[in-house]
Protein backbone atom coordinates (compact mmCIF):
# COMPACT_ATOMS: atom_id res chain seq x y z
CA MET A 1 10.79 45.21 39.93
CA ARG A 2 11.25 41.86 41.67
CA GLU A 3 10.78 38.18 40.96
CA THR A 4 7.40 36.61 41.72
CA ARG A 5 5.66 33.29 41.30
CA ILE A 6 5.00 34.13 37.62
CA LEU A 7 8.06 36.24 36.87
CA GLU A 8 11.72 35.19 36.79
CA PHE A 9 14.92 37.07 35.87
CA LYS A 10 17.89 35.57 34.02
CA GLU A 11 21.00 37.65 33.49
CA THR A 12 22.39 35.11 31.00
CA ILE A 13 21.03 32.19 29.00
CA THR A 14 21.74 28.85 30.67
CA ASN A 15 19.72 25.64 30.69
CA THR A 16 18.32 26.35 34.18
CA PHE A 17 15.56 28.50 32.65
CA LEU A 18 14.12 25.34 31.07
CA GLU A 19 12.99 24.13 34.51
CA THR A 20 10.92 27.31 34.83
CA VAL A 21 9.47 26.84 31.32
CA SER A 22 8.29 23.41 32.50
CA ALA A 23 6.83 24.96 35.66
CA PHE A 24 4.97 27.74 33.84
CA SER A 25 3.59 25.30 31.24
CA ASN A 26 2.41 22.87 33.95
CA TYR A 27 0.60 25.51 35.99
CA ASP A 28 -0.46 29.12 35.53
CA GLY A 29 2.02 30.39 32.94
CA GLY A 30 4.51 33.21 33.46
CA GLU A 31 7.34 35.30 32.06
CA ILE A 32 11.12 35.07 32.05
CA LEU A 33 13.15 38.25 31.42
CA PHE A 34 16.63 37.63 29.99
CA GLY A 35 19.32 40.27 30.45
CA VAL A 36 18.02 41.22 33.93
CA ASP A 37 19.80 40.36 37.19
CA ASP A 38 18.22 38.92 40.33
CA ASP A 39 17.53 42.41 41.71
CA GLY A 40 15.62 43.48 38.59
CA ASN A 41 18.42 45.61 37.12
CA ILE A 42 18.78 45.62 33.35
CA LYS A 43 22.20 44.29 32.34
CA GLY A 44 21.46 43.65 28.68
CA LEU A 45 22.44 40.89 26.25
CA SER A 46 25.26 41.27 23.75
CA ASN A 47 23.34 39.84 20.77
CA VAL A 48 19.60 39.64 21.36
CA LYS A 49 18.74 38.15 17.96
CA GLN A 50 21.14 35.27 18.46
CA ALA A 51 19.92 34.96 22.04
CA CYS A 52 16.35 34.54 20.78
CA LEU A 53 17.46 31.70 18.53
CA ASP A 54 19.34 30.07 21.41
CA ILE A 55 16.29 30.26 23.69
CA GLU A 56 13.99 28.89 21.01
CA ASN A 57 16.33 25.99 20.18
CA LYS A 58 16.81 25.08 23.83
CA ILE A 59 13.02 24.97 24.43
CA ASN A 60 12.28 23.00 21.26
CA ASP A 61 15.07 20.49 21.95
CA ASN A 62 14.51 19.96 25.67
CA ILE A 63 10.85 20.48 26.66
CA SER A 64 8.32 17.75 25.83
CA PRO A 65 5.62 18.14 24.68
CA GLN A 66 6.16 21.48 22.95
CA PRO A 67 4.99 24.37 25.17
CA ASN A 68 3.09 27.44 24.01
CA TYR A 69 5.42 30.45 24.22
CA THR A 70 6.38 33.75 22.59
CA LEU A 71 9.60 35.79 22.50
CA GLU A 72 9.73 39.59 22.51
CA ILE A 73 12.77 41.91 22.34
CA GLN A 74 12.48 44.84 24.78
CA ASN A 75 14.32 47.84 26.25
CA SER A 76 15.91 49.08 23.03
CA GLU A 77 17.02 45.56 22.09
CA GLN A 78 18.78 44.91 25.39
CA THR A 79 16.46 42.29 26.97
CA ILE A 80 14.18 39.46 25.90
CA LYS A 81 10.80 38.58 27.40
CA LEU A 82 9.82 34.92 27.18
CA SER A 83 6.09 34.49 27.81
CA VAL A 84 4.97 30.92 28.56
CA LYS A 85 1.30 29.95 28.66
CA SER A 86 -0.26 27.21 30.76
CA GLY A 87 -0.57 24.17 28.49
CA LEU A 88 -3.26 21.57 27.96
CA GLN A 89 -0.96 18.56 27.37
CA LYS A 90 0.44 18.27 30.88
CA PRO A 91 2.91 17.27 32.19
CA TYR A 92 5.57 19.31 30.38
CA LEU A 93 8.92 17.68 31.07
CA TYR A 94 12.53 18.81 31.12
CA LYS A 95 14.94 15.88 31.29
CA SER A 96 11.98 13.59 32.09
CA LYS A 97 11.05 15.68 35.15
CA ALA A 98 8.16 18.06 35.78
CA TYR A 99 8.61 21.32 37.69
CA LYS A 100 6.51 23.90 39.54
CA ARG A 101 7.05 27.34 41.04
CA ASN A 102 7.42 27.62 44.80
CA ASP A 103 7.17 31.34 45.51
CA THR A 104 10.15 32.73 43.50
CA SER A 105 12.03 29.45 43.03
CA THR A 106 11.48 26.49 40.72
CA ILE A 107 11.38 22.96 42.16
CA GLU A 108 10.68 19.44 40.92
CA VAL A 109 7.17 18.17 41.65
CA ASP A 110 6.72 15.16 43.93
CA THR A 111 5.09 11.87 42.92
CA LEU A 112 1.59 12.93 43.99
CA GLU A 113 1.77 16.22 42.12
CA PHE A 114 3.13 14.44 39.03
CA SER A 115 0.13 12.10 39.08
CA ARG A 116 -2.20 15.10 39.29
CA LEU A 117 -0.54 16.68 36.25
CA VAL A 118 -0.95 13.45 34.27
CA LEU A 119 -4.66 13.32 35.11
CA GLU A 120 -5.11 17.00 34.27
CA GLY A 121 -3.41 16.47 30.92
CA LYS A 122 -5.99 13.77 30.19
CA ASN A 123 -8.79 16.00 31.53
CA ILE A 124 -9.52 13.50 34.28
CA ARG A 125 -10.23 14.42 37.91
CA PHE A 126 -9.31 12.27 40.90
CA GLU A 127 -13.00 11.85 41.72
CA GLU A 128 -13.53 10.31 38.26
CA LEU A 129 -10.97 7.53 38.78
CA PRO A 130 -12.27 4.04 39.67
CA CYS A 131 -12.74 3.65 43.41
CA LYS A 132 -10.48 0.99 44.92
CA ASP A 133 -13.49 -0.35 46.86
CA GLN A 134 -16.29 -1.52 44.57
CA LYS A 135 -18.52 -3.00 47.29
CA LEU A 136 -20.41 0.18 48.15
CA SER A 137 -23.82 0.93 49.64
CA PHE A 138 -25.72 4.22 49.39
CA GLU A 139 -28.49 4.27 52.01
CA ILE A 140 -27.58 7.81 53.13
CA LEU A 141 -27.56 9.15 49.56
CA GLN A 142 -30.82 7.38 48.78
CA SER A 143 -32.46 8.85 51.88
CA LYS A 144 -31.28 12.39 51.03
CA LEU A 145 -32.48 12.16 47.42
CA LYS A 146 -35.89 11.06 48.64
CA GLU A 147 -36.05 13.74 51.34
CA LYS A 148 -34.78 16.69 49.30
CA ILE A 149 -36.00 16.07 45.73
CA GLN A 150 -38.54 13.26 46.15
CA ILE A 151 -36.70 10.61 44.13
CA GLU A 152 -38.44 7.37 45.04
CA THR A 153 -36.57 4.97 42.74
CA PHE A 154 -32.89 4.43 43.49
CA ASN A 155 -30.88 1.97 41.39
CA ARG A 156 -27.80 1.63 39.20
CA ASP A 157 -29.33 4.00 36.61
CA THR A 158 -29.64 6.67 39.30
CA LEU A 159 -25.94 6.37 40.03
CA LYS A 160 -25.14 6.59 36.30
CA THR A 161 -27.23 9.77 36.03
CA LEU A 162 -25.22 11.27 38.89
CA ASN A 163 -21.95 10.28 37.14
CA LEU A 164 -21.01 7.96 39.98
CA TYR A 165 -20.92 4.70 38.01
CA ASP A 166 -20.26 3.38 34.53
CA ASP A 167 -20.37 -0.16 33.14
CA VAL A 168 -16.67 -0.21 32.20
CA ASN A 169 -14.96 1.13 35.36
CA GLY A 170 -17.65 0.62 37.98
CA PHE A 171 -17.90 3.06 40.88
CA ASN A 172 -15.62 6.12 40.80
CA ASN A 173 -14.08 7.99 43.73
CA ALA A 174 -17.00 10.43 43.84
CA ALA A 175 -19.23 7.42 44.51
CA GLY A 176 -16.82 6.31 47.21
CA LEU A 177 -17.06 9.71 48.89
CA LEU A 178 -20.86 9.45 48.93
CA ALA A 179 -20.98 5.80 50.00
CA ASP A 180 -22.14 4.83 53.48
CA LYS A 181 -18.66 3.51 54.32
CA ASN A 182 -15.40 4.41 52.60
CA HIS A 183 -11.65 4.86 53.11
CA PHE A 184 -11.59 8.65 52.81
CA PRO A 185 -10.73 11.24 55.51
CA GLY A 186 -13.35 13.68 56.74
CA ILE A 187 -13.61 16.50 59.29
CA ASP A 188 -11.71 16.95 62.55
CA ILE A 189 -13.56 19.32 64.92
CA VAL A 190 -12.03 20.83 68.05
CA LYS A 191 -13.93 23.10 70.48
CA PHE A 192 -11.47 25.20 72.50
CA GLY A 193 -12.07 26.88 75.83
CA GLU A 194 -10.56 30.19 76.92
CA ASN A 195 -7.35 29.37 75.00
CA ILE A 196 -5.92 26.71 72.69
CA SER A 197 -4.55 24.78 75.68
CA VAL A 198 -8.10 24.03 76.83
CA ILE A 199 -9.90 21.50 74.62
CA GLN A 200 -13.55 21.09 75.56
CA LYS A 201 -14.38 18.56 72.86
CA ARG A 202 -12.69 16.84 69.94
CA ILE A 203 -14.45 14.64 67.45
CA THR A 204 -13.53 13.28 64.02
CA PHE A 205 -16.00 12.21 61.35
CA GLU A 206 -14.40 10.04 58.65
CA ASN A 207 -14.79 6.87 56.56
CA THR A 208 -18.45 7.66 55.97
CA SER A 209 -20.53 9.51 53.39
CA VAL A 210 -19.65 13.18 52.97
CA LEU A 211 -23.38 13.84 53.29
CA ASP A 212 -23.30 12.28 56.76
CA ILE A 213 -20.13 14.24 57.62
CA TYR A 214 -21.82 17.47 56.49
CA GLU A 215 -24.88 16.88 58.71
CA LYS A 216 -22.82 15.81 61.74
CA ALA A 217 -20.63 18.92 61.49
CA LEU A 218 -23.79 21.06 61.48
CA SER A 219 -25.04 19.23 64.57
CA VAL A 220 -21.85 20.03 66.51
CA PHE A 221 -22.05 23.64 65.32
CA ARG A 222 -25.61 24.00 66.66
CA ASP A 223 -24.56 22.69 70.08
CA TYR A 224 -22.12 25.57 70.57
CA TYR A 225 -23.35 28.49 68.51
CA GLN A 226 -27.15 28.36 68.76
CA TYR A 227 -29.44 28.78 71.75
CA GLU A 228 -33.05 29.68 72.48
CA VAL A 229 -34.28 32.82 74.25
CA ILE A 230 -37.76 32.91 75.77
CA GLN A 231 -39.60 36.17 75.01
CA GLY A 232 -42.99 36.06 76.65
CA ALA A 233 -44.82 33.07 75.21
CA ASP A 234 -42.43 32.75 72.28
CA ARG A 235 -39.07 31.10 71.85
CA LYS A 236 -36.49 32.80 69.66
CA MET A 237 -33.47 31.05 68.17
CA VAL A 238 -30.26 33.05 68.54
CA GLU A 239 -27.21 32.34 66.37
CA LYS A 240 -23.80 33.45 67.61
CA VAL A 241 -22.38 32.53 64.20
CA PRO A 242 -24.84 32.48 61.27
CA GLU A 243 -25.65 28.89 60.34
CA ALA A 244 -26.01 29.90 56.69
CA ALA A 245 -22.36 30.98 56.65
CA PHE A 246 -21.16 27.83 58.41
CA ARG A 247 -23.10 25.65 55.96
CA GLU A 248 -21.41 27.38 53.04
CA ALA A 249 -17.97 27.05 54.62
CA ILE A 250 -18.35 23.32 55.29
CA ALA A 251 -19.90 22.54 51.90
CA ASN A 252 -17.19 24.62 50.23
CA ALA A 253 -14.49 22.70 52.11
CA LEU A 254 -15.94 19.30 51.15
CA ILE A 255 -16.47 19.89 47.43
CA HIS A 256 -13.39 22.03 46.74
CA ARG A 257 -10.75 20.14 48.73
CA VAL A 258 -8.26 17.64 47.30
CA TRP A 259 -9.18 14.06 48.19
CA ASP A 260 -5.98 12.30 47.14
CA VAL A 261 -4.22 13.23 50.39
CA ASP A 262 -4.96 11.63 53.76
CA SER A 263 -5.67 14.88 55.56
CA GLN A 264 -8.75 16.01 57.47
CA ILE A 265 -10.68 19.22 57.01
CA ARG A 266 -9.93 21.06 60.26
CA VAL A 267 -12.66 22.97 62.09
CA SER A 268 -11.48 24.97 65.11
CA MET A 269 -14.27 26.40 67.26
CA PHE A 270 -13.59 29.30 69.64
CA ASP A 271 -15.86 31.53 71.73
CA ASP A 272 -15.43 34.38 69.26
CA LYS A 273 -14.96 32.62 65.90
CA ILE A 274 -14.82 29.44 63.84
CA GLU A 275 -11.89 28.54 61.58
CA VAL A 276 -12.40 26.09 58.70
CA VAL A 277 -9.27 24.88 56.90
CA SER A 278 -9.54 22.57 53.88
CA PRO A 279 -6.61 20.73 52.25
CA GLY A 280 -5.55 21.90 48.80
CA GLY A 281 -5.18 25.39 47.39
CA LEU A 282 -6.95 26.93 44.44
CA PRO A 283 -7.56 24.85 41.31
CA SER A 284 -5.46 25.65 38.26
CA GLY A 285 -6.87 28.44 36.14
CA ILE A 286 -8.27 30.67 38.88
CA THR A 287 -6.59 33.48 40.81
CA GLU A 288 -7.07 34.33 44.49
CA ASP A 289 -8.90 37.55 43.57
CA GLU A 290 -11.27 35.68 41.25
CA TYR A 291 -11.96 33.10 43.95
CA LEU A 292 -12.61 35.63 46.71
CA SER A 293 -14.73 37.92 44.53
CA GLY A 294 -16.86 35.06 43.22
CA LYS A 295 -16.24 36.11 39.61
CA LEU A 296 -15.04 32.66 38.60
CA SER A 297 -15.60 29.18 40.00
CA VAL A 298 -13.53 26.18 38.95
CA LEU A 299 -14.76 22.93 40.48
CA LYS A 300 -12.15 20.44 41.67
CA ASN A 301 -14.82 17.80 42.26
CA ARG A 302 -17.59 18.49 39.74
CA ASN A 303 -19.48 15.21 40.26
CA LEU A 304 -19.53 15.66 44.02
CA ALA A 305 -20.53 19.32 43.58
CA ASN A 306 -23.36 18.24 41.28
CA VAL A 307 -24.84 16.00 44.00
CA PHE A 308 -24.58 18.78 46.61
CA TYR A 309 -26.26 21.11 44.12
CA ARG A 310 -29.13 18.71 43.39
CA LEU A 311 -29.72 18.33 47.12
CA GLY A 312 -29.81 22.12 47.54
CA PHE A 313 -26.70 22.31 49.73
CA VAL A 314 -24.75 24.62 47.38
CA GLU A 315 -25.07 26.80 44.31
CA ILE A 316 -23.04 25.04 41.65
CA PHE A 317 -22.00 28.24 39.86
CA GLY A 318 -20.35 29.86 42.86
CA THR A 319 -17.74 29.10 45.48
CA GLY A 320 -19.96 30.10 48.39
CA ILE A 321 -17.58 32.90 49.36
CA THR A 322 -19.94 35.55 48.00
CA ARG A 323 -22.86 34.13 49.99
CA ILE A 324 -20.80 34.12 53.19
CA LYS A 325 -19.94 37.77 52.63
CA GLN A 326 -23.61 38.58 52.06
CA VAL A 327 -24.60 36.95 55.35
CA TYR A 328 -22.11 39.21 57.15
CA SER A 329 -22.94 42.36 55.16
CA GLU A 330 -24.28 44.19 58.25
CA ALA A 331 -21.79 42.71 60.72
CA LEU A 332 -19.15 44.72 62.53
CA ILE A 333 -16.45 42.04 62.16
CA LYS A 334 -16.33 40.52 58.69
CA PRO A 335 -15.27 36.96 57.80
CA SER A 336 -11.72 36.53 56.52
CA PHE A 337 -10.28 34.25 53.87
CA GLU A 338 -6.71 33.04 53.45
CA VAL A 339 -5.47 31.14 50.41
CA SER A 340 -2.13 29.33 50.35
CA GLU A 341 -0.63 26.78 48.01
CA ASN A 342 -1.87 23.80 50.01
CA ALA A 343 -4.87 25.06 51.99
CA ILE A 344 -7.81 27.46 52.12
CA GLN A 345 -8.92 28.95 55.44
CA ILE A 346 -12.25 30.62 56.19
CA VAL A 347 -12.73 32.45 59.50
CA LEU A 348 -16.32 33.13 60.64
CA PRO A 349 -16.44 35.59 63.57
CA VAL A 350 -19.27 35.79 66.09
CA TYR A 351 -21.90 37.99 64.50
CA GLU A 352 -22.17 41.50 65.94
CA GLU A 353 -24.29 44.13 64.21
CA SER A 354 -22.65 47.50 63.70
CA THR A 355 -25.72 49.68 63.19
CA ASN A 356 -25.56 51.50 66.55
CA LEU A 357 -21.82 52.20 66.69
CA THR A 358 -20.04 55.31 65.48
CA LEU A 359 -16.99 55.02 63.23
CA ASP A 360 -14.66 55.72 66.17
CA GLU A 361 -16.44 53.14 68.32
CA LYS A 362 -16.05 50.56 65.56
CA VAL A 363 -12.28 51.11 65.64
CA VAL A 364 -12.20 50.33 69.36
CA TYR A 365 -14.58 47.40 68.97
CA LYS A 366 -12.43 45.76 66.26
CA LEU A 367 -9.38 46.08 68.52
CA LEU A 368 -11.22 44.44 71.43
CA SER A 369 -12.44 41.65 69.14
CA ARG A 370 -8.86 40.39 68.76
CA ASN A 371 -8.68 39.71 72.49
CA MET A 372 -11.81 39.38 74.59
CA LEU A 373 -10.36 41.16 77.66
CA LYS A 374 -8.07 44.22 77.55
CA SER A 375 -6.85 46.97 79.85
CA MET A 376 -6.43 50.61 78.84
CA SER A 377 -2.65 50.15 78.66
CA GLU A 378 -3.19 47.37 76.11
CA ILE A 379 -5.65 49.43 74.08
CA ALA A 380 -3.95 52.85 74.03
CA PRO A 381 -0.89 52.00 71.86
CA TYR A 382 -3.16 50.94 68.99
CA ILE A 383 -5.65 53.83 69.16
CA SER A 384 -4.88 57.34 67.88
CA PHE A 385 -7.66 59.12 69.79
CA GLY A 386 -5.87 59.65 73.09
CA LYS A 387 -6.70 58.18 76.49
CA SER A 388 -9.51 60.61 77.39
CA LYS A 389 -11.45 60.12 74.17
CA THR A 390 -10.89 56.36 74.23
CA THR A 391 -12.21 56.18 77.81
CA LYS A 392 -15.33 58.12 76.77
CA LEU A 393 -15.85 55.85 73.76
CA LEU A 394 -15.63 52.79 75.97
CA LYS A 395 -18.18 54.23 78.44
CA ASP A 396 -20.55 55.07 75.56
CA MET A 397 -20.20 51.54 74.23
CA GLU A 398 -20.97 50.16 77.68
CA GLN A 399 -24.19 52.22 77.79
CA LYS A 400 -25.14 50.78 74.40
CA GLY A 401 -24.72 47.29 75.83
CA VAL A 402 -21.89 46.39 73.46
CA ILE A 403 -19.05 45.97 75.95
CA ALA A 404 -18.64 45.29 79.66
CA ILE A 405 -16.29 47.16 82.01
CA GLU A 406 -14.84 45.14 84.87
CA GLY A 407 -12.76 46.28 87.86
CA LYS A 408 -11.64 49.74 88.94
CA GLY A 409 -8.62 52.04 88.57
CA LYS A 410 -5.57 50.53 86.89
CA GLY A 411 -7.17 47.08 87.11
CA THR A 412 -10.07 48.07 84.86
CA LYS A 413 -10.66 45.64 81.98
CA TYR A 414 -12.87 45.95 78.90
CA ARG A 415 -14.46 43.09 77.00
CA ILE A 416 -17.06 42.54 74.32
CA LYS A 417 -20.34 41.28 75.78
């Protein structure tokens, strides 16, 4: 047993546990085990009933507002489990400070995070706050509404219906994000060459409508990952990376990111993959497994998501992760997702169908996909088949048109076509 983000050990009862009570109440809840040392060994408490009273009094006297918690005596009356639930009346303060968990430690939140807790306690999102710029125009939004859902009339009532304006506070931040010009960050796109030291193109879209940013990002994507093939009298569009997956990744990044930090969504384009990194981790109340499985969706920017939904860019009751996985259901290399405290990364590999490869060939293919050009000496340490079988697999894959073999003898290299 070890400490985690939602589990802490306390061998004795000191006031330091109150910082963790604040942290658990402000975020996802958790448990504190008293009478257990840092290594998870049970040491026991001399008087657990008195200890329970001490814990209860310390919480009631020092945490404001009152958190939701329970106490339970365990291990033949040697230890106490304090279970703290995530509260609704955030922020929960200890000595006028709010705390959060950082891996297995408890730290004080910064000014920005404190402001977020205050808004959450009032059930207000950043996008619902009044926009600092009230002189906004919406030609791009008006054009999209007309094009996608045939709305001919566009006026102040339209903006009220979309929850972008009210008579008391004026335009909110969601309106600012959708306005033709604004002060918000956007997307920074970099197209790399054979390695990250070679930058073929870099372009940043910002201070404009997120609808415009969305379309411009798609345009750059098409330049590098789509091309036409002439087959007889017909032209066929070929996608190296499925556009449907890229659309979902970009829309997901725009409507699920945090907008109160001056940080760009980063899109890194490589020959074999695209990486999309959006600022801000998961919203409170959802786990990484729930996010990645699509079982639960918690919208950080519900008004912005509603506009994207009305325009047909996203499904409002999903994160888009499930749809990305579906697009790659028959692909050899699957997309990957990484969630951290301050960012979410989606990696979309070049699409390669796996229908004509054996299980052993797929193992070799996945290894080659990590580096586009490898020698046998680079492949062998990671393959359990032996050199002879691996060589045969590579020759079979060449005959299937999946890989190319370059050079001879010890200089032979293998790469995915």
